[in-house]
Protein backbone atom coordinates (compact mmCIF):
# COMPACT_ATOMS: atom_id res chain seq x y z
CA MET A 1 -2.51 -30.85 6.44
CA TYR A 2 -1.89 -27.13 6.00
CA ALA A 3 -0.71 -26.04 2.58
CA THR A 4 2.08 -23.48 2.83
CA THR A 5 0.90 -21.81 -0.35
CA GLY A 6 -2.50 -20.95 1.13
CA LEU A 7 -5.54 -20.68 -1.09
CA PRO A 8 -5.53 -21.49 -4.81
CA THR A 9 -4.00 -18.83 -7.03
CA LEU A 10 -7.30 -17.57 -8.45
CA ALA A 11 -8.75 -17.14 -4.95
CA ARG A 12 -5.62 -15.25 -3.81
CA ASP A 13 -5.86 -12.96 -6.84
CA VAL A 14 -9.55 -12.22 -6.22
CA ILE A 15 -8.92 -11.62 -2.51
CA ALA A 16 -5.98 -9.32 -3.32
CA LEU A 17 -8.24 -7.33 -5.66
CA ILE A 18 -10.96 -7.04 -3.00
CA ALA A 19 -8.40 -5.98 -0.38
CA ARG A 20 -6.87 -3.40 -2.73
CA ILE A 21 -10.29 -1.95 -3.54
CA GLY A 22 -11.34 -1.85 0.11
CA LEU A 23 -8.16 -0.17 1.30
CA GLY A 24 -7.99 2.11 -1.70
CA VAL A 25 -11.53 3.41 -1.29
CA ILE A 26 -10.97 4.17 2.42
CA LEU A 27 -7.69 5.94 1.67
CA MET A 28 -9.15 7.93 -1.21
CA ALA A 29 -12.04 9.06 1.01
CA HIS A 30 -9.62 10.32 3.67
CA GLY A 31 -7.37 11.96 1.08
CA TRP A 32 -10.32 13.61 -0.65
CA GLN A 33 -11.54 14.91 2.71
CA LYS A 34 -8.14 16.45 3.38
CA PHE A 35 -8.00 17.93 -0.12
CA SER A 36 -11.51 19.23 -0.72
CA GLU A 37 -13.30 19.56 2.62
CA TRP A 38 -10.48 20.63 4.92
CA THR A 39 -8.14 21.93 2.14
CA ILE A 40 -4.39 21.57 2.24
CA ALA A 41 -4.11 24.78 4.28
CA GLY A 42 -6.68 23.53 6.79
CA THR A 43 -5.00 20.13 7.02
CA THR A 44 -1.66 21.86 7.55
CA ALA A 45 -3.12 23.94 10.39
CA SER A 46 -4.70 20.84 11.92
CA PHE A 47 -1.43 18.90 11.66
CA SER A 48 0.36 21.81 13.30
CA GLN A 49 -2.08 21.78 16.24
CA MET A 50 -1.58 18.02 16.62
CA GLY A 51 2.19 18.44 16.81
CA VAL A 52 2.98 16.80 13.49
CA PRO A 53 6.56 17.71 12.52
CA LEU A 54 6.90 19.80 9.35
CA PRO A 55 3.13 20.17 8.86
CA GLU A 56 3.69 22.16 5.62
CA VAL A 57 5.27 19.03 4.13
CA ALA A 58 3.31 16.37 6.03
CA ALA A 59 -0.16 17.67 5.09
CA PRO A 60 0.27 17.59 1.29
CA PHE A 61 2.22 14.33 1.57
CA ALA A 62 -0.54 12.65 3.59
CA THR A 63 -3.26 14.09 1.35
CA PHE A 64 -1.76 12.93 -1.91
CA VAL A 65 -0.45 9.59 -0.62
CA GLU A 66 -3.97 8.82 0.55
CA LEU A 67 -5.78 10.23 -2.49
CA ILE A 68 -3.49 9.23 -5.35
CA GLY A 69 -1.99 6.25 -3.54
CA GLY A 70 -5.47 4.91 -2.84
CA ALA A 71 -6.35 5.16 -6.53
CA LEU A 72 -3.10 3.47 -7.56
CA LEU A 73 -3.71 0.75 -4.98
CA ILE A 74 -7.16 0.06 -6.45
CA LEU A 75 -5.61 -0.22 -9.90
CA GLY A 76 -2.72 -2.30 -8.62
CA ALA A 77 -0.23 0.12 -10.16
CA PHE A 78 3.29 0.43 -8.73
CA THR A 79 1.88 -1.53 -5.81
CA PRO A 80 4.96 -2.26 -3.66
CA ILE A 81 6.11 1.37 -3.68
CA VAL A 82 2.62 2.81 -3.21
CA ALA A 83 1.74 0.37 -0.42
CA VAL A 84 4.95 1.12 1.48
CA LEU A 85 4.33 4.88 1.18
CA ILE A 86 0.79 4.39 2.43
CA ALA A 87 1.99 2.27 5.35
CA ALA A 88 4.70 4.82 6.24
CA ASN A 89 2.14 7.63 6.16
CA LEU A 90 -0.26 5.68 8.38
CA LEU A 91 2.42 4.50 10.79
CA GLY A 92 3.49 8.13 11.16
CA ALA A 93 -0.11 9.05 11.99
CA LEU A 94 -0.27 6.18 14.45
CA VAL A 95 2.89 7.18 16.31
CA ILE A 96 2.39 10.96 16.23
CA VAL A 97 -1.37 11.30 16.68
CA HIS A 98 -3.23 8.07 17.43
CA PHE A 99 -0.95 6.19 19.82
CA ILE A 100 -3.06 6.40 22.93
CA PRO A 101 -4.11 3.62 25.33
CA ALA A 102 -7.60 3.33 23.81
CA PRO A 103 -7.57 1.43 20.52
CA PHE A 104 -10.97 2.59 19.31
CA VAL A 105 -11.16 5.16 16.54
CA SER A 106 -14.22 6.70 18.20
CA GLU A 107 -11.89 7.69 21.05
CA GLY A 108 -9.10 8.94 18.76
CA GLY A 109 -7.33 5.60 19.02
CA TRP A 110 -5.12 3.64 16.73
CA GLU A 111 -7.26 0.78 15.40
CA LEU A 112 -8.06 2.24 11.96
CA VAL A 113 -4.54 3.39 11.11
CA ALA A 114 -3.08 0.13 12.43
CA ALA A 115 -5.46 -1.98 10.35
CA LEU A 116 -4.94 0.09 7.21
CA SER A 117 -1.15 0.09 7.54
CA ALA A 118 -1.11 -3.67 8.21
CA GLY A 119 -3.21 -4.21 5.10
CA ALA A 120 -0.96 -1.98 3.02
CA LEU A 121 2.16 -3.79 4.24
CA LEU A 122 0.60 -7.15 3.47
CA ILE A 123 -0.25 -6.04 -0.06
CA ALA A 124 3.29 -4.66 -0.48
CA ALA A 125 4.74 -8.01 0.61
CA MET A 126 2.36 -10.30 -1.26
CA GLY A 127 1.90 -8.24 -4.42
CA PRO A 128 -1.22 -6.99 -6.16
CA GLY A 129 -2.29 -10.27 -7.75
CA ARG A 130 -3.10 -11.01 -11.38
CA PHE A 131 -5.93 -8.50 -11.64
CA SER A 132 -3.69 -5.46 -11.57
CA VAL A 133 -2.00 -2.90 -13.77
CA ASP A 134 1.35 -4.12 -12.43
CA ARG A 135 0.78 -7.49 -14.08
CA PHE A 136 0.62 -5.80 -17.47
CA LEU A 137 3.38 -3.26 -16.75
CA PHE A 138 5.92 -5.73 -15.44
CA SER A 139 4.97 -9.15 -16.82
CA GLY A 140 7.24 -8.67 -19.86
CA SER A 141 10.27 -8.05 -17.65
CA LYS A 142 9.62 -11.27 -15.68
CA LYS A 143 9.37 -13.28 -18.89
CA LYS A 144 12.63 -11.78 -20.16
CA SER A 145 14.47 -12.47 -16.90
CA ALA A 146 13.04 -16.01 -16.75
CA SER A 147 14.21 -16.76 -20.27
CA ARG A 148 17.60 -15.22 -19.47
CA GLY A 149 17.82 -17.42 -16.40
CA ALA A 150 16.95 -20.50 -18.43
CA ARG A 151 19.62 -19.65 -20.99
CA THR A 152 22.18 -18.99 -18.26
CA SER A 153 21.45 -22.25 -16.48
CA GLY A 154 21.69 -24.05 -19.81
CA VAL A 155 25.11 -22.51 -20.40
CA ARG A 156 26.23 -23.51 -16.91
CA SER A 157 25.16 -27.10 -17.34
CA VAL A 158 26.99 -27.34 -20.69
CA ALA A 159 30.08 -25.71 -19.21
CA THR A 160 30.14 -28.01 -16.19
CA ALA A 161 29.33 -31.21 -18.13
């Protein structure tokens, strides 16, 4: 029978870490290329030629979402926000530049941006796992809200008894 929870927790956490590292490294490589090899000015000019709206805004946004967002994704820091920004950036690239009949990246197609954005959305939805900065940043707030919830439910049961 299929377990609705999927793999054991430790396996999910390790897989989330591997996925974050894989996606993060790819994104950082693309962001670094835009920043150092092509430069922001060169990326802006390229975006302009491709018909990207507001290339003066889109080029630095894409560069830093990929570069810094990729690093934050690897660390598992601010994961839901970062992953959604990454997915939005990539979905924009898919719709504006890569949405052609051929899926293959070698033909300018959409496969890479679709796979990366799907991965980012999955990480946003599922969370970064235990091996993440988010676990240390936000674990205290979960414990506080859990204890508050326990106290509240205790009050309710006394009040309704």
